[in-house]
Protein backbone atom coordinates (compact mmCIF):
# COMPACT_ATOMS: atom_id res chain seq x y z
CA UNK A 1 0.18 0.45 0.16
CA UNK A 2 1.59 3.31 -1.30
CA UNK A 3 0.59 6.91 -0.55
CA UNK A 4 0.84 10.50 -2.15
CA UNK A 5 -0.39 13.55 -1.16
CA UNK A 6 -1.94 15.49 -4.32
CA UNK A 7 -3.38 18.34 -3.33
CA UNK A 8 -1.02 20.84 -0.11
CA UNK A 9 -2.67 22.47 2.16
CA UNK A 10 -2.43 25.96 -0.35
CA UNK A 11 -3.69 24.11 -3.24
CA UNK A 12 -6.46 23.47 -1.44
CA UNK A 13 -6.31 27.15 -0.05
CA UNK A 14 -6.15 27.95 -4.15
CA UNK A 15 -9.32 25.66 -5.00
CA UNK A 16 -12.05 27.06 -2.81
CA UNK A 17 -11.09 30.21 -3.68
CA UNK A 18 -11.56 29.66 -7.20
CA UNK A 19 -14.88 27.63 -6.65
CA UNK A 20 -16.85 31.03 -4.68
CA UNK A 21 -15.54 32.58 -7.94
CA UNK A 22 -16.99 30.75 -10.07
CA UNK A 23 -20.35 30.00 -7.94
CA UNK A 24 -20.07 34.36 -8.08
CA UNK A 25 -19.86 33.81 -11.49
CA UNK A 26 -22.40 31.01 -12.51
CA UNK A 27 -25.34 32.77 -10.43
CA UNK A 28 -24.89 36.34 -11.23
CA UNK A 29 -24.14 37.14 -7.85
CA UNK A 30 -25.34 35.65 -4.41
CA UNK A 31 -29.15 36.59 -4.31
CA UNK A 32 -30.81 33.68 -3.24
CA UNK A 33 -27.83 31.56 -3.00
CA UNK A 34 -27.33 28.61 0.22
CA UNK A 35 -24.81 26.40 0.44
CA UNK A 36 -24.87 22.73 2.25
CA UNK A 37 -22.54 20.40 2.87
CA UNK A 38 -22.22 16.98 3.11
CA UNK A 39 -21.66 15.66 6.56
CA UNK A 40 -18.63 15.23 7.81
CA UNK A 41 -16.20 17.40 5.28
CA UNK A 42 -18.58 18.55 3.34
CA UNK A 43 -19.55 21.09 5.72
CA UNK A 44 -16.23 22.97 6.22
CA UNK A 45 -16.35 22.62 2.72
CA UNK A 46 -19.26 25.04 2.92
CA UNK A 47 -18.45 27.39 5.35
CA UNK A 48 -14.98 27.96 4.10
CA UNK A 49 -16.30 29.02 0.26
CA UNK A 50 -19.24 31.14 2.36
CA UNK A 51 -16.05 32.62 4.33
CA UNK A 52 -14.66 33.39 0.57
CA UNK A 53 -17.86 34.48 -0.80
CA UNK A 54 -18.30 36.66 1.88
CA UNK A 55 -14.96 38.15 0.99
CA UNK A 56 -15.70 38.85 -2.71
CA UNK A 57 -18.97 39.82 -2.65
CA UNK A 58 -19.63 40.96 0.81
CA UNK A 59 -22.57 39.38 1.67
CA UNK A 60 -23.38 37.07 4.55
CA UNK A 61 -24.69 33.07 2.71
CA UNK A 62 -26.38 31.00 4.62
CA UNK A 63 -24.59 27.76 5.25
CA UNK A 64 -26.06 24.07 6.02
CA UNK A 65 -24.94 20.84 7.64
CA UNK A 66 -27.00 17.55 5.78
CA UNK A 67 -26.90 14.01 6.81
CA UNK A 68 -27.80 12.07 3.90
CA UNK A 69 -27.48 8.49 5.86
CA UNK A 70 -31.75 7.47 5.90
CA UNK A 71 -31.57 8.54 1.86
CA UNK A 72 -28.70 6.21 0.80
CA UNK A 73 -29.55 3.00 -0.79
CA UNK A 74 -26.88 1.18 0.90
CA UNK A 75 -28.34 1.59 4.47
CA UNK A 76 -28.83 -2.46 5.06
CA UNK A 77 -25.56 -2.78 4.01
CA UNK A 78 -24.39 -0.49 7.55
CA UNK A 79 -23.70 -0.73 11.04
CA UNK A 80 -26.61 -1.57 12.67
CA UNK A 81 -26.16 1.85 14.84
CA UNK A 82 -25.15 3.71 11.77
CA UNK A 83 -23.40 7.79 13.26
CA UNK A 84 -26.15 10.16 12.48
CA UNK A 85 -25.75 13.29 12.08
CA UNK A 86 -27.54 16.70 12.50
CA UNK A 87 -28.92 18.82 9.29
CA UNK A 88 -28.95 22.31 10.19
CA UNK A 89 -29.73 24.37 7.52
CA UNK A 90 -30.59 27.94 8.93
CA UNK A 91 -33.04 29.15 6.52
CA UNK A 92 -35.67 27.23 3.75
CA UNK A 93 -34.41 26.90 0.53
CA UNK A 94 -37.91 26.42 -1.29
CA UNK A 95 -36.64 28.74 -4.12
CA UNK A 96 -33.46 28.32 -3.16
CA UNK A 97 -30.50 28.19 -5.43
CA UNK A 98 -28.72 25.71 -3.44
CA UNK A 99 -24.95 24.57 -4.05
CA UNK A 100 -24.45 20.88 -2.08
CA UNK A 101 -20.86 21.21 -1.24
CA UNK A 102 -19.27 17.72 -0.61
CA UNK A 103 -15.26 16.36 -0.36
CA UNK A 104 -15.25 13.91 -3.09
CA UNK A 105 -17.27 12.57 -5.36
CA UNK A 106 -16.93 8.93 -6.97
CA UNK A 107 -19.91 6.89 -7.80
CA UNK A 108 -22.40 9.96 -7.46
CA UNK A 109 -24.56 7.70 -5.24
CA UNK A 110 -23.89 9.57 -2.00
CA UNK A 111 -24.40 12.79 -4.00
CA UNK A 112 -28.79 11.43 -4.49
CA UNK A 113 -29.22 10.87 -1.19
CA UNK A 114 -27.82 14.26 -0.67
CA UNK A 115 -30.39 15.50 -3.33
CA UNK A 116 -33.50 13.13 -2.26
CA UNK A 117 -32.86 14.72 1.18
CA UNK A 118 -32.90 18.12 0.37
CA UNK A 119 -35.63 18.39 -1.47
CA UNK A 120 -37.59 16.63 1.94
CA UNK A 121 -37.12 19.51 3.54
CA UNK A 122 -38.35 21.74 0.66
CA UNK A 123 -38.33 22.64 -3.02
CA UNK A 124 -35.09 24.38 -4.09
CA UNK A 125 -35.46 26.42 -7.44
CA UNK A 126 -31.72 24.61 -8.18
CA UNK A 127 -29.53 22.18 -7.14
CA UNK A 128 -26.11 22.50 -7.69
CA UNK A 129 -23.14 20.50 -6.76
CA UNK A 130 -19.64 21.39 -5.68
CA UNK A 131 -17.39 19.38 -4.88
CA UNK A 132 -13.04 19.45 -4.01
CA UNK A 133 -12.32 16.19 -5.94
CA UNK A 134 -13.61 14.43 -8.13
CA UNK A 135 -12.41 11.27 -9.42
CA UNK A 136 -14.65 9.64 -12.09
CA UNK A 137 -16.09 6.71 -11.71
CA UNK A 138 -19.82 7.30 -12.19
CA UNK A 139 -23.09 4.36 -11.06
CA UNK A 140 -25.77 7.60 -11.32
CA UNK A 141 -25.92 10.40 -14.54
CA UNK A 142 -24.45 12.79 -12.01
CA UNK A 143 -22.24 15.26 -12.36
CA UNK A 144 -20.11 18.75 -10.24
CA UNK A 145 -21.47 22.43 -11.52
CA UNK A 146 -17.83 22.74 -9.66
CA UNK A 147 -14.83 20.96 -9.45
CA UNK A 148 -11.47 21.75 -7.33
CA UNK A 149 -9.17 19.22 -9.09
CA UNK A 150 -10.57 15.89 -11.32
CA UNK A 151 -8.00 13.57 -10.07
CA UNK A 152 -8.62 10.10 -12.63
CA UNK A 153 -8.71 7.30 -10.30
CA UNK A 154 -8.51 3.52 -10.25
CA UNK A 155 -11.03 1.72 -8.21
CA UNK A 156 -7.62 -0.34 -6.44
CA UNK A 157 -7.07 3.92 -5.05
CA UNK A 158 -8.40 5.79 -2.36
CA UNK A 159 -8.67 9.71 -1.81
CA UNK A 160 -8.68 11.26 1.63
CA UNK A 161 -9.50 14.35 2.47
CA UNK A 162 -8.03 15.53 5.60
CA UNK A 163 -9.51 19.02 6.04
CA UNK A 164 -8.04 20.93 9.34
CA UNK A 165 -11.75 21.43 10.90
CA UNK A 166 -11.54 17.22 11.81
CA UNK A 167 -8.31 16.29 11.11
CA UNK A 168 -5.40 18.87 12.36
CA UNK A 169 -4.33 19.67 9.06
CA UNK A 170 -5.08 19.57 5.20
CA UNK A 171 -4.24 17.77 2.27
CA UNK A 172 -5.71 15.30 -0.06
CA UNK A 173 -3.83 11.95 -0.15
CA UNK A 174 -3.95 8.96 -2.68
CA UNK A 175 -3.77 5.60 -1.80
CA UNK A 176 -3.32 3.23 -3.57
CA UNK A 177 -5.17 -0.48 -1.61
CA UNK A 178 -3.67 -2.74 -4.11
CA UNK A 179 -1.37 -5.03 -3.02
CA UNK A 180 -0.21 -5.79 -6.19
CA UNK A 181 3.03 -3.61 -7.56
CA UNK A 182 3.44 -3.07 -10.75
CA UNK A 183 6.88 -4.48 -11.69
CA UNK A 184 9.95 -2.05 -12.48
CA UNK A 185 10.23 -1.62 -16.68
CA UNK A 186 13.26 -2.75 -17.89
CA UNK A 187 15.12 -0.60 -19.81
CA UNK A 188 16.88 -1.95 -22.93
């Protein structure tokens, strides 16, 4: 098993800055905008995006936290007592432009669960998706509107986002979970 850092703290900061600019631009400003982070690492990312948007547009964007546990399609395969976090959205999302924020988009199943959870809370005008990392391998027809970094991966690799608020440091690590190593190439 081998690991390498693919994004440093500075890289993550630059990605968040760029994502904030893109969100402002694509929405024609910030009117009616709500950021909602998916537990766990989507929540601090949503707060960081809101802080950057406040810095650039001088407007306070509501930020919420969304638990998707009971909307997952693999609930029967989770532990008997899955960890449930609070869903806290400080404003009604009815008629709002909601940006759903997550750390990594992979198969698309967590995002589908997030959209289901949001719609149960009210009918937003539009749902957009912001992800720090897009690693490919979709199983559902879902794509992110805003992506910090596209990182093509194999299914034997794991992308782990570490954030200061949760992990004590900012970085993105790619780990090869495959025990087989590639044979060294012979140069002739």
